[in-house]
Amino acid sequence: MRLLLVEDDNHVAAALSAVLKRHGFDVTHARSGEEALQALVPEGPGFGVVLLDLGLPDQDGYEVCGKIRKRTATPVIMVTARADVRSRIHGLNLGADDYVVKPYDTGELLARIHAVSRRTVPEDAAGAGENELLLGPVHIELPTRRVTVDGTVVQLTRKEFDLLALLAQRPGVVFRREQIISEVWRTSWEGTGRTLEVHVASLRAKLRMPALIETVRGVGYRLVVPA
C-alpha cells in the first residue's frame, strides 16, 4: 500500500518510515502541508492512506485536512499530541477518518491504518458490489461473513474469514507476514507466525484451492485470482 506521511520532523519521519516500510508500505514523505497537497494531485500517485501530523510549519493541520478532503476520498489519519476531546471532534468533523494521539503504540497505529484502508476496495475485486468480493469461483460477502465457492457455502472460523477478506480486498498484492498478523490478530508478537501458517493451510484445504493463496518466500502471502 502507498502511504503519504505528512510530518515536518525529519527524525520522527525517518523512524516511522522505517517501521512502515518493514510492514510492507511504500512511504512518501511530505514535510509541509503544501508538499502534501502537491502529492495528492489527480495525476500523481494514488495513496491508500494519509498519515497527517497537525503541527506543520506552513499551514494548520486541520486546514490541510479540509483541503485534502475536498480533492480526494483517501482515508486520513490525524497524528497529534492534542489529546483533548474537542480537538478530536474538530478533526473528525473536517473529514478525518481516525485520530491517533502521541505517543502511540506502533502496533495500534498499524492496525488503525489497515482498518481505515479497508473501506477502499479495488474495482477489480468488487465484482458484486461494495460489500461483496467476486474472485473467480470465490464469492465473499463482507457484511454477513459468508463465503461460497461455485455456489457452495464454506464454513470458516472468524480468523480464517478475516485473513481471506484481507488478502481478497487487494488481489495480487503481497502482504508481509508482520502486516497480516498486525491486522488479523491485532498483535506484533512473533510467535503468532506459526498460527498464521496454520490458518493459511486451513483456508487452502477448506476452499479446495491450494493455489489461491500463494506463499511469497521470505515475505508473506498474496491472493491469486483464479482464471
Protein backbone atom coordinates (compact mmCIF):
# COMPACT_ATOMS: atom_id res chain seq x y z
CA MET A 1 0.00 0.00 0.00
CA ARG A 2 1.22 3.52 -0.81
CA LEU A 3 1.12 5.83 2.21
CA LEU A 4 1.63 9.58 2.39
CA LEU A 5 3.35 10.61 5.63
CA VAL A 6 2.96 14.32 6.39
CA GLU A 7 5.48 15.14 9.13
CA ASP A 8 7.82 18.13 9.47
CA ASP A 9 10.22 16.47 11.93
CA ASN A 10 12.73 14.55 9.81
CA HIS A 11 13.90 12.35 12.69
CA VAL A 12 10.35 11.28 13.56
CA ALA A 13 9.54 10.74 9.89
CA ALA A 14 12.66 8.63 9.31
CA ALA A 15 11.95 6.37 12.28
CA LEU A 16 8.28 5.93 11.41
CA SER A 17 9.01 5.40 7.71
CA ALA A 18 11.44 2.61 8.58
CA VAL A 19 8.75 0.84 10.64
CA LEU A 20 6.10 1.29 7.95
CA LYS A 21 8.41 0.00 5.20
CA ARG A 22 9.18 -3.10 7.27
CA HIS A 23 5.44 -3.77 7.28
CA GLY A 24 5.12 -3.53 3.51
CA PHE A 25 4.18 0.14 2.98
CA ASP A 26 5.54 2.31 0.17
CA VAL A 27 6.05 5.61 2.03
CA THR A 28 6.17 9.10 0.52
CA HIS A 29 7.27 11.79 2.98
CA ALA A 30 5.87 15.34 2.80
CA ARG A 31 7.41 17.91 5.18
CA SER A 32 4.69 20.54 4.90
CA GLY A 33 1.04 21.00 4.08
CA GLU A 34 1.87 22.34 0.65
CA GLU A 35 4.06 19.32 -0.17
CA ALA A 36 1.23 17.04 0.90
CA LEU A 37 -1.32 18.79 -1.29
CA GLN A 38 1.06 18.71 -4.27
CA ALA A 39 1.50 14.96 -3.79
CA LEU A 40 -2.28 14.47 -3.87
CA VAL A 41 -2.92 15.98 -7.30
CA PRO A 42 -5.13 13.78 -9.56
CA GLU A 43 -2.29 12.94 -11.95
CA GLY A 44 0.02 11.95 -9.08
CA PRO A 45 0.46 8.51 -7.48
CA GLY A 46 -2.54 7.19 -5.62
CA PHE A 47 -2.29 6.65 -1.87
CA GLY A 48 -4.13 4.19 0.34
CA VAL A 49 -3.86 6.35 3.47
CA VAL A 50 -2.63 9.80 4.50
CA LEU A 51 -0.92 9.97 7.91
CA LEU A 52 -1.23 13.66 8.82
CA ASP A 53 0.65 15.38 11.64
CA LEU A 54 -1.15 18.55 12.76
CA GLY A 55 1.93 20.57 13.78
CA LEU A 56 3.07 21.67 10.32
CA PRO A 57 5.33 24.69 9.62
CA ASP A 58 3.34 26.33 6.83
CA GLN A 59 -0.34 25.56 7.50
CA ASP A 60 -2.51 24.37 10.34
CA GLY A 61 -3.00 20.62 10.08
CA TYR A 62 -6.77 20.97 10.37
CA GLU A 63 -6.77 23.31 7.38
CA VAL A 64 -4.69 20.82 5.40
CA CYS A 65 -7.14 18.04 6.27
CA GLY A 66 -10.03 20.10 4.96
CA LYS A 67 -8.20 20.75 1.69
CA ILE A 68 -7.29 17.09 1.32
CA ARG A 69 -10.90 16.05 1.80
CA LYS A 70 -12.04 18.47 -0.92
CA ARG A 71 -9.77 16.88 -3.52
CA THR A 72 -9.70 13.18 -2.61
CA ALA A 73 -11.55 10.48 -0.67
CA THR A 74 -8.26 8.93 0.51
CA PRO A 75 -8.56 7.97 4.20
CA VAL A 76 -6.82 10.46 6.54
CA ILE A 77 -5.48 9.60 9.99
CA MET A 78 -4.54 12.61 12.10
CA VAL A 79 -1.49 12.15 14.34
CA THR A 80 -1.03 14.73 17.07
CA ALA A 81 -0.18 15.42 20.69
CA ARG A 82 -3.53 17.23 21.11
CA ALA A 83 -5.45 14.76 23.24
CA ASP A 84 -8.49 16.80 24.27
CA VAL A 85 -11.90 15.67 23.07
CA ARG A 86 -12.75 18.96 21.32
CA SER A 87 -9.65 18.65 19.11
CA ARG A 88 -10.58 15.12 18.14
CA ILE A 89 -14.16 16.08 17.33
CA HIS A 90 -12.96 19.03 15.25
CA GLY A 91 -10.62 16.79 13.24
CA LEU A 92 -13.28 14.17 12.60
CA ASN A 93 -15.79 16.85 11.57
CA LEU A 94 -13.28 18.11 8.99
CA GLY A 95 -13.24 14.70 7.36
CA ALA A 96 -10.50 12.77 9.16
CA ASP A 97 -11.18 9.03 9.31
CA ASP A 98 -9.29 8.45 12.55
CA TYR A 99 -7.30 10.32 15.17
CA VAL A 100 -4.16 8.98 16.92
CA VAL A 101 -2.63 10.73 19.92
CA LYS A 102 1.12 10.82 20.53
CA PRO A 103 2.82 8.90 21.99
CA TYR A 104 1.18 5.92 20.36
CA ASP A 105 1.84 2.19 20.18
CA THR A 106 3.17 1.22 16.76
CA GLY A 107 1.02 -1.90 16.65
CA GLU A 108 -2.10 0.15 17.27
CA LEU A 109 -1.14 2.67 14.58
CA LEU A 110 -0.64 -0.14 12.04
CA ALA A 111 -3.99 -1.66 12.96
CA ARG A 112 -5.72 1.70 12.52
CA ILE A 113 -4.06 2.23 9.12
CA HIS A 114 -5.29 -1.15 7.89
CA ALA A 115 -8.73 -0.54 9.35
CA VAL A 116 -9.35 2.75 7.54
CA SER A 117 -7.87 1.44 4.30
CA ARG A 118 -10.37 -1.42 4.16
CA ARG A 119 -13.10 0.97 3.06
CA THR A 120 -11.38 1.40 -0.33
CA VAL A 121 -11.82 -1.76 -2.38
CA PRO A 122 -10.15 -2.02 -5.83
CA GLU A 123 -12.64 -2.12 -8.71
CA ASP A 124 -11.29 -5.42 -10.00
CA ALA A 125 -12.10 -7.06 -6.65
CA ALA A 126 -15.60 -5.63 -6.30
CA GLY A 127 -17.37 -7.60 -8.96
CA ALA A 128 -20.57 -7.97 -6.95
CA GLY A 129 -20.89 -4.63 -5.21
CA GLU A 130 -19.25 -2.59 -2.45
CA ASN A 131 -19.79 -5.21 0.26
CA GLU A 132 -19.01 -8.28 -1.82
CA LEU A 133 -15.87 -9.63 -3.44
CA LEU A 134 -16.07 -11.87 -6.50
CA LEU A 135 -12.80 -13.64 -7.31
CA GLY A 136 -13.36 -16.30 -9.92
CA PRO A 137 -15.48 -19.02 -8.26
CA VAL A 138 -14.95 -17.49 -4.81
CA HIS A 139 -17.71 -15.17 -3.57
CA ILE A 140 -17.13 -13.27 -0.29
CA GLU A 141 -19.93 -11.35 1.41
CA LEU A 142 -18.30 -8.96 3.88
CA PRO A 143 -21.32 -7.89 6.00
CA THR A 144 -22.58 -11.46 6.54
CA ARG A 145 -19.09 -13.03 6.59
CA ARG A 146 -20.34 -15.65 4.12
CA VAL A 147 -18.02 -17.41 1.66
CA THR A 148 -19.06 -19.64 -1.21
CA VAL A 149 -17.05 -21.50 -3.86
CA ASP A 150 -19.03 -22.29 -7.03
CA GLY A 151 -22.19 -21.63 -5.03
CA THR A 152 -21.32 -23.99 -2.16
CA VAL A 153 -21.05 -22.38 1.29
CA VAL A 154 -17.68 -22.85 3.02
CA GLN A 155 -17.68 -22.68 6.82
CA LEU A 156 -14.76 -20.58 8.07
CA THR A 157 -13.65 -19.57 11.55
CA ARG A 158 -13.58 -15.87 12.42
CA LYS A 159 -9.81 -15.58 11.89
CA GLU A 160 -9.91 -17.60 8.68
CA PHE A 161 -12.52 -15.24 7.27
CA ASP A 162 -10.59 -12.14 8.40
CA LEU A 163 -7.43 -13.48 6.76
CA LEU A 164 -9.19 -14.33 3.49
CA ALA A 165 -11.01 -10.99 3.37
CA LEU A 166 -7.78 -9.07 3.97
CA LEU A 167 -5.96 -10.79 1.10
CA ALA A 168 -9.00 -10.72 -1.19
CA GLN A 169 -9.50 -6.96 -0.97
CA ARG A 170 -6.16 -6.47 -2.75
CA PRO A 171 -5.65 -9.49 -5.00
CA GLY A 172 -2.13 -9.82 -6.35
CA VAL A 173 -0.66 -7.57 -3.66
CA VAL A 174 1.91 -9.18 -1.37
CA PHE A 175 1.06 -8.81 2.32
CA ARG A 176 4.01 -9.13 4.67
CA ARG A 177 3.64 -11.64 7.49
CA GLU A 178 4.01 -8.86 10.08
CA GLN A 179 1.32 -6.83 8.34
CA ILE A 180 -1.14 -9.74 8.31
CA ILE A 181 -0.50 -10.54 11.96
CA SER A 182 -0.97 -6.88 12.90
CA GLU A 183 -4.27 -6.64 11.03
CA VAL A 184 -5.88 -10.01 11.74
CA TRP A 185 -4.52 -10.81 15.20
CA ARG A 186 -4.01 -7.20 16.37
CA THR A 187 -0.55 -8.02 17.73
CA SER A 188 3.11 -7.85 16.76
CA TRP A 189 4.05 -10.98 18.74
CA GLU A 190 6.41 -13.05 16.58
CA GLY A 191 5.03 -16.32 18.00
CA THR A 192 1.81 -15.71 16.05
CA GLY A 193 3.69 -16.56 12.84
CA ARG A 194 3.07 -20.29 13.26
CA THR A 195 -0.64 -19.61 13.81
CA LEU A 196 -0.69 -17.69 10.52
CA GLU A 197 0.79 -20.65 8.65
CA VAL A 198 -1.82 -22.98 10.14
CA HIS A 199 -4.67 -20.67 9.12
CA VAL A 200 -3.34 -20.36 5.56
CA ALA A 201 -3.12 -24.14 5.28
CA SER A 202 -6.65 -24.49 6.65
CA LEU A 203 -8.04 -21.96 4.15
CA ARG A 204 -6.40 -23.76 1.23
CA ALA A 205 -7.92 -27.04 2.37
CA LYS A 206 -11.42 -25.73 3.11
CA LEU A 207 -11.65 -23.79 -0.15
CA ARG A 208 -10.11 -26.74 -2.03
CA MET A 209 -7.96 -24.24 -3.92
CA PRO A 210 -4.30 -24.68 -2.85
CA ALA A 211 -3.11 -22.13 -5.43
CA LEU A 212 -5.49 -19.38 -4.29
CA ILE A 213 -3.14 -18.14 -1.55
CA GLU A 214 0.44 -18.01 -2.76
CA THR A 215 3.40 -18.04 -0.39
CA VAL A 216 5.99 -15.39 -1.24
CA ARG A 217 9.09 -16.91 0.33
CA GLY A 218 10.69 -14.75 2.99
CA VAL A 219 8.00 -12.06 2.68
CA GLY A 220 4.41 -13.19 3.18
CA TYR A 221 1.33 -14.13 1.15
CA ARG A 222 -0.83 -12.92 -1.69
CA LEU A 223 -4.14 -13.96 -3.20
CA VAL A 224 -4.04 -15.11 -6.82
CA VAL A 225 -7.34 -14.65 -8.65
CA PRO A 226 -8.31 -17.92 -10.39
CA ALA A 227 -8.66 -17.82 -14.15
